[in-house]
Amino acid sequence: MVGDRKRNRKEANMGKGSRASTSKDHEDSATTLEAQNKNKKRKCVGDNGRATSNPKPKENAKPEGLQITLESHIYAYELPKMPPVQRNFGSLVNNNRYSTPFQKQLQEKEFKEYRLYLSKTAVEKLLFPLLRNEELRDNVIRQGIPVTAYDVQGNAFPMQFKQSTGKQKRYMLTKGWTRFCNRHGLREFKDFVTLWMFRHKETDRLCFVISFRTFDYLDHGIKQRPINN
């Protein structure tokens, strides 16, 4: 009798051990499956991230990372040799010849003084080759040369291209510049204008094309990109 009770208790304990072992096996199996599922989720996110890791850059997106400066982010854009104007615009251009484009960030003075200041280097290197000898005379360019500036929609804005009378010899576009700014809602620091010069095929007069890019997050001036042409 005593031996039978001992055997029964031993078998019962063995049953408990077996059930405990089975329960532990289930827990271990569940933990392993959960870890595998997490790994699968991480892998899917990583794959999607790689697939969209190089989205098309937006001009209003701030550059990320300490090594990417505002200047390199903005000036990484390559200026098109031909202005992006409507298709039939090319028929107005004499010999299909444009100056090399250049751009500048608009400053406070462009709005307070009602004129667009142009880099002396850009004017003398890129625009002077399109000017005639009589236009390059000091008395002519200081008095002002009537020009027509076009936006990328082909709208015309009569302006004046001239040089200041001071020692600095600053070049500028005046008169119709304020109307151009108001028409397109241009703002200091946030807008960068790109300019091309050409001669009108029918009138032979000097003309400009002015486009612009906007960076809403900019609230200060940045270093001007040098003219290398």
C-alpha atoms as a PDB file:
ATOM      1  CA  MET A   1       0.000   0.000   0.000  1.00  0.00           C
ATOM      2  CA  VAL A   2       2.747   2.442   1.016  1.00  0.00           C
ATOM      3  CA  GLY A   3       4.678   1.565  -2.126  1.00  0.00           C
ATOM      4  CA  ASP A   4       1.623   2.179  -4.282  1.00  0.00           C
ATOM      5  CA  ARG A   5       1.070   5.651  -2.757  1.00  0.00           C
ATOM      6  CA  LYS A   6       4.728   6.575  -3.370  1.00  0.00           C
ATOM      7  CA  ARG A   7       4.492   5.425  -6.982  1.00  0.00           C
ATOM      8  CA  ASN A   8       1.275   7.425  -7.485  1.00  0.00           C
ATOM      9  CA  ARG A   9       2.862  10.620  -6.020  1.00  0.00           C
ATOM     10  CA  LYS A  10       5.967  10.139  -8.191  1.00  0.00           C
ATOM     11  CA  GLU A  11       3.855   9.698 -11.311  1.00  0.00           C
ATOM     12  CA  ALA A  12       1.773  12.768 -10.378  1.00  0.00           C
ATOM     13  CA  ASN A  13       4.937  14.850  -9.894  1.00  0.00           C
ATOM     14  CA  MET A  14       6.271  13.598 -13.198  1.00  0.00           C
ATOM     15  CA  GLY A  15       3.013  14.684 -14.822  1.00  0.00           C
ATOM     16  CA  LYS A  16       3.356  18.161 -13.322  1.00  0.00           C
ATOM     17  CA  GLY A  17       6.931  18.387 -14.559  1.00  0.00           C
ATOM     18  CA  SER A  18       5.847  17.341 -18.019  1.00  0.00           C
ATOM     19  CA  ARG A  19       3.050  19.930 -18.028  1.00  0.00           C
ATOM     20  CA  ALA A  20       5.429  22.630 -16.762  1.00  0.00           C
ATOM     21  CA  SER A  21       7.965  21.707 -19.395  1.00  0.00           C
ATOM     22  CA  THR A  22       5.303  21.815 -22.101  1.00  0.00           C
ATOM     23  CA  SER A  23       4.085  25.223 -20.914  1.00  0.00           C
ATOM     24  CA  LYS A  24       7.646  26.551 -20.929  1.00  0.00           C
ATOM     25  CA  ASP A  25       8.149  25.209 -24.449  1.00  0.00           C
ATOM     26  CA  HIS A  26       5.008  27.077 -25.575  1.00  0.00           C
ATOM     27  CA  GLU A  27       6.279  30.322 -24.009  1.00  0.00           C
ATOM     28  CA  ASP A  28       9.693  29.946 -25.656  1.00  0.00           C
ATOM     29  CA  SER A  29       8.033  29.223 -28.999  1.00  0.00           C
ATOM     30  CA  ALA A  30       5.766  32.271 -28.690  1.00  0.00           C
ATOM     31  CA  THR A  31       8.741  34.509 -27.814  1.00  0.00           C
ATOM     32  CA  THR A  32      10.662  33.229 -30.832  1.00  0.00           C
ATOM     33  CA  LEU A  33       7.711  33.851 -33.182  1.00  0.00           C
ATOM     34  CA  GLU A  34       7.238  37.354 -31.787  1.00  0.00           C
ATOM     35  CA  ALA A  35      10.919  38.152 -32.337  1.00  0.00           C
ATOM     36  CA  GLN A  36      10.729  36.812 -35.891  1.00  0.00           C
ATOM     37  CA  ASN A  37       7.660  38.948 -36.616  1.00  0.00           C
ATOM     38  CA  LYS A  38       9.425  42.053 -35.297  1.00  0.00           C
ATOM     39  CA  ASN A  39      12.417  41.317 -37.519  1.00  0.00           C
ATOM     40  CA  LYS A  40      10.102  40.938 -40.505  1.00  0.00           C
ATOM     41  CA  LYS A  41       8.479  44.298 -39.733  1.00  0.00           C
ATOM     42  CA  ARG A  42      11.859  45.998 -39.403  1.00  0.00           C
ATOM     43  CA  LYS A  43      12.972  44.490 -42.684  1.00  0.00           C
ATOM     44  CA  CYS A  44       9.869  45.737 -44.490  1.00  0.00           C
ATOM     45  CA  VAL A  45      10.374  49.283 -43.177  1.00  0.00           C
ATOM     46  CA  GLY A  46      14.006  49.168 -44.221  1.00  0.00           C
ATOM     47  CA  ASP A  47      13.145  48.012 -47.731  1.00  0.00           C
ATOM     48  CA  ASN A  48      10.518  50.706 -48.121  1.00  0.00           C
ATOM     49  CA  GLY A  49      12.976  53.250 -46.809  1.00  0.00           C
ATOM     50  CA  ARG A  50      15.595  52.222 -49.372  1.00  0.00           C
ATOM     51  CA  ALA A  51      13.018  52.332 -52.134  1.00  0.00           C
ATOM     52  CA  THR A  52      12.134  55.951 -51.269  1.00  0.00           C
ATOM     53  CA  SER A  53      15.440  57.123 -49.822  1.00  0.00           C
ATOM     54  CA  ASN A  54      16.088  59.520 -52.735  1.00  0.00           C
ATOM     55  CA  PRO A  55      12.851  61.405 -53.314  1.00  0.00           C
ATOM     56  CA  LYS A  56      12.816  64.336 -55.723  1.00  0.00           C
ATOM     57  CA  PRO A  57      14.225  67.284 -53.738  1.00  0.00           C
ATOM     58  CA  LYS A  58      11.827  70.065 -52.863  1.00  0.00           C
ATOM     59  CA  GLU A  59      13.079  73.618 -52.804  1.00  0.00           C
ATOM     60  CA  ASN A  60      11.154  74.376 -49.628  1.00  0.00           C
ATOM     61  CA  ALA A  61      12.596  71.381 -47.779  1.00  0.00           C
ATOM     62  CA  LYS A  62      15.398  72.318 -45.419  1.00  0.00           C
ATOM     63  CA  PRO A  63      18.686  70.489 -46.032  1.00  0.00           C
ATOM     64  CA  GLU A  64      19.382  67.807 -43.436  1.00  0.00           C
ATOM     65  CA  GLY A  65      22.740  67.084 -41.827  1.00  0.00           C
ATOM     66  CA  LEU A  66      25.466  69.395 -40.573  1.00  0.00           C
ATOM     67  CA  GLN A  67      27.607  68.787 -43.645  1.00  0.00           C
ATOM     68  CA  ILE A  68      25.008  70.146 -46.070  1.00  0.00           C
ATOM     69  CA  THR A  69      25.064  73.944 -46.087  1.00  0.00           C
ATOM     70  CA  LEU A  70      22.281  76.173 -47.304  1.00  0.00           C
ATOM     71  CA  GLU A  71      24.556  77.411 -50.073  1.00  0.00           C
ATOM     72  CA  SER A  72      25.329  73.941 -51.410  1.00  0.00           C
ATOM     73  CA  HIS A  73      21.656  72.937 -51.156  1.00  0.00           C
ATOM     74  CA  ILE A  74      20.439  75.969 -53.101  1.00  0.00           C
ATOM     75  CA  TYR A  75      23.249  76.278 -55.604  1.00  0.00           C
ATOM     76  CA  ALA A  76      23.270  72.567 -56.445  1.00  0.00           C
ATOM     77  CA  TYR A  77      20.588  73.475 -58.965  1.00  0.00           C
ATOM     78  CA  GLU A  78      22.081  73.811 -62.449  1.00  0.00           C
ATOM     79  CA  LEU A  79      20.797  76.876 -64.277  1.00  0.00           C
ATOM     80  CA  PRO A  80      19.307  75.992 -67.674  1.00  0.00           C
ATOM     81  CA  LYS A  81      21.156  77.496 -70.635  1.00  0.00           C
ATOM     82  CA  MET A  82      17.854  78.274 -72.318  1.00  0.00           C
ATOM     83  CA  PRO A  83      15.241  80.148 -70.275  1.00  0.00           C
ATOM     84  CA  PRO A  84      12.144  78.035 -69.463  1.00  0.00           C
ATOM     85  CA  VAL A  85       9.691  80.221 -71.380  1.00  0.00           C
ATOM     86  CA  GLN A  86       6.705  79.108 -73.466  1.00  0.00           C
ATOM     87  CA  ARG A  87       7.531  77.313 -76.729  1.00  0.00           C
ATOM     88  CA  ASN A  88       6.964  80.073 -79.273  1.00  0.00           C
ATOM     89  CA  PHE A  89       9.163  82.505 -77.337  1.00  0.00           C
ATOM     90  CA  GLY A  90      12.280  81.400 -79.223  1.00  0.00           C
ATOM     91  CA  SER A  91      10.983  83.124 -82.355  1.00  0.00           C
ATOM     92  CA  LEU A  92      11.642  86.485 -80.664  1.00  0.00           C
ATOM     93  CA  VAL A  93      15.334  85.781 -80.011  1.00  0.00           C
ATOM     94  CA  ASN A  94      17.889  87.012 -82.507  1.00  0.00           C
ATOM     95  CA  ASN A  95      20.075  84.109 -83.746  1.00  0.00           C
ATOM     96  CA  ASN A  96      18.744  82.042 -80.810  1.00  0.00           C
ATOM     97  CA  ARG A  97      21.511  83.580 -78.719  1.00  0.00           C
ATOM     98  CA  TYR A  98      21.186  84.090 -74.972  1.00  0.00           C
ATOM     99  CA  SER A  99      23.736  85.219 -72.428  1.00  0.00           C
ATOM    100  CA  THR A 100      24.973  82.686 -69.887  1.00  0.00           C
ATOM    101  CA  PRO A 101      22.428  82.783 -67.032  1.00  0.00           C
ATOM    102  CA  PHE A 102      23.229  83.947 -63.524  1.00  0.00           C
ATOM    103  CA  GLN A 103      21.173  84.177 -60.373  1.00  0.00           C
ATOM    104  CA  LYS A 104      21.050  86.260 -57.235  1.00  0.00           C
ATOM    105  CA  GLN A 105      19.171  86.301 -53.956  1.00  0.00           C
ATOM    106  CA  LEU A 106      16.857  89.274 -53.540  1.00  0.00           C
ATOM    107  CA  GLN A 107      17.828  91.618 -50.720  1.00  0.00           C
ATOM    108  CA  GLU A 108      15.949  94.276 -48.780  1.00  0.00           C
ATOM    109  CA  LYS A 109      17.416  97.094 -50.896  1.00  0.00           C
ATOM    110  CA  GLU A 110      15.826  95.637 -54.055  1.00  0.00           C
ATOM    111  CA  PHE A 111      12.429  96.506 -52.592  1.00  0.00           C
ATOM    112  CA  LYS A 112      13.251  99.705 -50.714  1.00  0.00           C
ATOM    113  CA  GLU A 113      15.125 101.288 -53.619  1.00  0.00           C
ATOM    114  CA  TYR A 114      12.816  99.956 -56.371  1.00  0.00           C
ATOM    115  CA  ARG A 115      15.558  98.410 -58.494  1.00  0.00           C
ATOM    116  CA  LEU A 116      17.263  95.078 -59.078  1.00  0.00           C
ATOM    117  CA  TYR A 117      21.009  95.291 -58.477  1.00  0.00           C
ATOM    118  CA  LEU A 118      23.145  93.095 -60.720  1.00  0.00           C
ATOM    119  CA  SER A 119      26.592  91.737 -59.973  1.00  0.00           C
ATOM    120  CA  LYS A 120      29.299  93.843 -61.653  1.00  0.00           C
ATOM    121  CA  THR A 121      31.212  90.672 -62.510  1.00  0.00           C
ATOM    122  CA  ALA A 122      28.131  89.014 -64.015  1.00  0.00           C
ATOM    123  CA  VAL A 123      27.274  92.063 -66.112  1.00  0.00           C
ATOM    124  CA  GLU A 124      30.758  92.633 -67.469  1.00  0.00           C
ATOM    125  CA  LYS A 125      31.528  88.958 -68.128  1.00  0.00           C
ATOM    126  CA  LEU A 126      28.152  87.653 -69.267  1.00  0.00           C
ATOM    127  CA  LEU A 127      26.099  90.601 -70.565  1.00  0.00           C
ATOM    128  CA  PHE A 128      28.630  92.952 -72.127  1.00  0.00           C
ATOM    129  CA  PRO A 129      29.340  90.558 -75.042  1.00  0.00           C
ATOM    130  CA  LEU A 130      25.750  91.198 -76.245  1.00  0.00           C
ATOM    131  CA  LEU A 131      26.024  94.991 -76.035  1.00  0.00           C
ATOM    132  CA  ARG A 132      27.076  97.147 -78.968  1.00  0.00           C
ATOM    133  CA  ASN A 133      29.974  99.579 -78.715  1.00  0.00           C
ATOM    134  CA  GLU A 134      27.690 102.607 -78.641  1.00  0.00           C
ATOM    135  CA  GLU A 135      25.715 101.041 -75.766  1.00  0.00           C
ATOM    136  CA  LEU A 136      28.861 100.529 -73.735  1.00  0.00           C
ATOM    137  CA  ARG A 137      29.726 104.217 -73.686  1.00  0.00           C
ATOM    138  CA  ASP A 138      29.514 105.675 -70.199  1.00  0.00           C
ATOM    139  CA  ASN A 139      27.095 108.441 -71.118  1.00  0.00           C
ATOM    140  CA  VAL A 140      24.699 105.925 -72.706  1.00  0.00           C
ATOM    141  CA  ILE A 141      24.671 103.185 -70.085  1.00  0.00           C
ATOM    142  CA  ARG A 142      24.562 105.704 -67.239  1.00  0.00           C
ATOM    143  CA  GLN A 143      21.627 107.466 -68.791  1.00  0.00           C
ATOM    144  CA  GLY A 144      19.916 104.105 -69.141  1.00  0.00           C
ATOM    145  CA  ILE A 145      19.111 101.703 -71.979  1.00  0.00           C
ATOM    146  CA  PRO A 146      15.415 100.811 -72.475  1.00  0.00           C
ATOM    147  CA  VAL A 147      14.925  97.019 -72.273  1.00  0.00           C
ATOM    148  CA  THR A 148      12.033  94.592 -72.072  1.00  0.00           C
ATOM    149  CA  ALA A 149      12.051  91.913 -69.369  1.00  0.00           C
ATOM    150  CA  TYR A 150       9.923  88.783 -69.807  1.00  0.00           C
ATOM    151  CA  ASP A 151       8.735  86.359 -67.164  1.00  0.00           C
ATOM    152  CA  VAL A 152       8.503  82.629 -67.878  1.00  0.00           C
ATOM    153  CA  GLN A 153       4.910  83.013 -69.061  1.00  0.00           C
ATOM    154  CA  GLY A 154       6.094  85.446 -71.740  1.00  0.00           C
ATOM    155  CA  ASN A 155       4.584  88.564 -70.124  1.00  0.00           C
ATOM    156  CA  ALA A 156       6.524  91.734 -70.995  1.00  0.00           C
ATOM    157  CA  PHE A 157       7.710  94.326 -68.453  1.00  0.00           C
ATOM    158  CA  PRO A 158       9.394  97.466 -69.825  1.00  0.00           C
ATOM    159  CA  MET A 159      12.467  98.329 -67.702  1.00  0.00           C
ATOM    160  CA  GLN A 160      15.700 100.268 -67.910  1.00  0.00           C
ATOM    161  CA  PHE A 161      19.204  98.803 -67.754  1.00  0.00           C
ATOM    162  CA  LYS A 162      21.700 101.307 -66.397  1.00  0.00           C
ATOM    163  CA  GLN A 163      24.852 101.959 -64.432  1.00  0.00           C
ATOM    164  CA  SER A 164      25.059 104.143 -61.342  1.00  0.00           C
ATOM    165  CA  THR A 165      27.027 107.385 -61.429  1.00  0.00           C
ATOM    166  CA  GLY A 166      29.026 106.577 -58.301  1.00  0.00           C
ATOM    167  CA  LYS A 167      32.529 105.170 -58.096  1.00  0.00           C
ATOM    168  CA  GLN A 168      31.244 101.616 -57.564  1.00  0.00           C
ATOM    169  CA  LYS A 169      29.628 101.519 -61.035  1.00  0.00           C
ATOM    170  CA  ARG A 170      26.697  99.415 -59.912  1.00  0.00           C
ATOM    171  CA  TYR A 171      24.478  97.937 -62.616  1.00  0.00           C
ATOM    172  CA  MET A 172      20.739  97.622 -62.195  1.00  0.00           C
ATOM    173  CA  LEU A 173      17.307  97.169 -63.709  1.00  0.00           C
ATOM    174  CA  THR A 174      14.945  99.999 -62.802  1.00  0.00           C
ATOM    175  CA  LYS A 175      11.444 101.372 -63.452  1.00  0.00           C
ATOM    176  CA  GLY A 176       9.394  98.243 -64.278  1.00  0.00           C
ATOM    177  CA  TRP A 177      11.189  96.148 -61.636  1.00  0.00           C
ATOM    178  CA  THR A 178       8.671  96.997 -58.891  1.00  0.00           C
ATOM    179  CA  ARG A 179       5.772  96.000 -61.135  1.00  0.00           C
ATOM    180  CA  PHE A 180       7.494  92.664 -61.828  1.00  0.00           C
ATOM    181  CA  CYS A 181       7.922  92.052 -58.066  1.00  0.00           C
ATOM    182  CA  ASN A 182       4.304  92.896 -57.296  1.00  0.00           C
ATOM    183  CA  ARG A 183       3.026  90.715 -60.128  1.00  0.00           C
ATOM    184  CA  HIS A 184       4.888  87.655 -58.823  1.00  0.00           C
ATOM    185  CA  GLY A 185       4.827  88.357 -55.072  1.00  0.00           C
ATOM    186  CA  LEU A 186       8.613  88.320 -54.748  1.00  0.00           C
ATOM    187  CA  ARG A 187      10.120  88.651 -51.259  1.00  0.00           C
ATOM    188  CA  GLU A 188      13.505  89.513 -49.827  1.00  0.00           C
ATOM    189  CA  PHE A 189      15.821  86.585 -48.965  1.00  0.00           C
ATOM    190  CA  LYS A 190      13.234  83.948 -49.946  1.00  0.00           C
ATOM    191  CA  ASP A 191      13.381  84.479 -53.721  1.00  0.00           C
ATOM    192  CA  PHE A 192      16.305  83.900 -56.094  1.00  0.00           C
ATOM    193  CA  VAL A 193      16.017  85.389 -59.571  1.00  0.00           C
ATOM    194  CA  THR A 194      17.797  84.013 -62.659  1.00  0.00           C
ATOM    195  CA  LEU A 195      18.486  86.293 -65.616  1.00  0.00           C
ATOM    196  CA  TRP A 196      19.248  85.754 -69.300  1.00  0.00           C
ATOM    197  CA  MET A 197      19.888  88.561 -71.804  1.00  0.00           C
ATOM    198  CA  PHE A 198      19.165  88.438 -75.535  1.00  0.00           C
ATOM    199  CA  ARG A 199      18.403  90.720 -78.473  1.00  0.00           C
ATOM    200  CA  HIS A 200      14.950  90.910 -79.980  1.00  0.00           C
ATOM    201  CA  LYS A 201      14.834  89.417 -83.453  1.00  0.00           C
ATOM    202  CA  GLU A 202      12.661  92.173 -84.943  1.00  0.00           C
ATOM    203  CA  THR A 203      13.666  95.304 -83.026  1.00  0.00           C
ATOM    204  CA  ASP A 204      17.269  94.341 -82.097  1.00  0.00           C
ATOM    205  CA  ARG A 205      16.631  95.852 -78.666  1.00  0.00           C
ATOM    206  CA  LEU A 206      18.114  94.368 -75.518  1.00  0.00           C
ATOM    207  CA  CYS A 207      15.790  92.066 -73.590  1.00  0.00           C
ATOM    208  CA  PHE A 208      15.903  89.958 -70.435  1.00  0.00           C
ATOM    209  CA  VAL A 209      14.174  86.823 -69.238  1.00  0.00           C
ATOM    210  CA  ILE A 210      13.717  86.677 -65.453  1.00  0.00           C
ATOM    211  CA  SER A 211      12.680  83.517 -63.632  1.00  0.00           C
ATOM    212  CA  PHE A 212      12.704  82.902 -59.892  1.00  0.00           C
ATOM    213  CA  ARG A 213      12.845  80.137 -57.286  1.00  0.00           C
ATOM    214  CA  THR A 214      11.376  80.446 -53.794  1.00  0.00           C
ATOM    215  CA  PHE A 215      12.730  79.063 -50.499  1.00  0.00           C
ATOM    216  CA  ASP A 216      10.131  79.856 -47.848  1.00  0.00           C
ATOM    217  CA  TYR A 217      12.340  78.838 -44.919  1.00  0.00           C
ATOM    218  CA  LEU A 218      15.057  81.416 -45.714  1.00  0.00           C
ATOM    219  CA  ASP A 219      14.991  84.577 -43.616  1.00  0.00           C
ATOM    220  CA  HIS A 220      18.528  85.884 -44.158  1.00  0.00           C
ATOM    221  CA  GLY A 221      21.066  86.495 -46.900  1.00  0.00           C
ATOM    222  CA  ILE A 222      23.490  83.752 -47.943  1.00  0.00           C
ATOM    223  CA  LYS A 223      26.816  83.918 -49.724  1.00  0.00           C
ATOM    224  CA  GLN A 224      26.539  84.644 -53.431  1.00  0.00           C
ATOM    225  CA  ARG A 225      27.784  81.945 -55.795  1.00  0.00           C
ATOM    226  CA  PRO A 226      30.829  83.222 -57.714  1.00  0.00           C
ATOM    227  CA  ILE A 227      30.674  83.832 -61.455  1.00  0.00           C
ATOM    228  CA  ASN A 228      33.169  81.456 -63.068  1.00  0.00           C
ATOM    229  CA  ASN A 229      32.337  81.920 -66.752  1.00  0.00           C
END
